[in-house]
């Protein structure tokens, strides 16, 4: 039977809790560099990487049966998540910021005709990138801070079923933490309406960054009851999310959780604080969206469009005049032929 691979990185620890038969992790305490985590995701999906990964924790596995999906959730601001399932653990060295852009590019390049689902989302930073069928599947997904807040107060939100304990509905930090959990719930819910996409042959990729727990720790302190309750709620939500994604992909999915207290270097992407006013970045791409094309697209599009329209009109005019031409009067060929006949 197939299993789901639930990878957890607890502070400086990388834990493999479950894995499908096609992905094999060896039991050992081999440290993994933080910058090579995307390469582990790529190799587990069957893609090649630029630099060889000399990390013995990941075996070759079954090359002919690769996972149909990889889900990586990065949780910032916590040293350890007490995940309910025990498994293989590896220490992390040099925990630096990383992204799965290289994996997303490989999927988009190799499977562009099969429209795979590629979703990269950081709710607290309003950063979202969708490729392929993700645009139609997750078109109703809340991605801005205002949408996230409004989504929480709808009738079918997680607030109606989640035990908040010491967390408050009236505190902005608490609401932003809960809104990230709402995103996890909505992703699985929206994908369940398009189950056929989870059964095709093209691999899918989900990369999520959660910063709400870090903000709760900054607001109340890491020894506070609010931080403890938020950590437990997050663990339960991650486990539920992993089970739902596992079921949607019929057990052939890799779910990864990266939990880091602090990164050793700042993010290379331009980001903003979770509580920063949205009006401060109105002038320059307020949602920090990634563009799949450059800014010359509209110029090139207009040049080609009007050139084709001009050529089409020219062909129509020339064809019309040729069709209605009088051969005996307009054509020089017939004129010369008639003159030659008369001379003879």
Foldseek 3Di string as FASTA:
>chain_A
DFAAWEWEAQAQKIFTQGGTQQWAFDADAWEDEQQCPLVSVQQQQLHDDPDDDPTRGTDNGDNVAHFQEEAEEEEEAGRGFPAPGHGGMYGYDQNADYDNPVVVVVLCVVCVVVFAWEWEAEQLQLEIDTTGCVCVLCVVQDRHPVSLLVQCPDPPFCVVPDDQVPQDNPDPLSSLLSSLLRNLVVVLVSCVVVLVSLVDDRHYYHHYYHHSLNVQCVVQNCVDPNSVSSSVSVSVSLVVSSVSVCVSNVNRYYHYYYYHNDHPDDDPDDTDGSPDDLVVCPPPPSSNYDDPDDPCVVVVVVVVVVVVVVVVVVVVVVVVCVVPDDCCPPPPVNVVVVVVVVVD
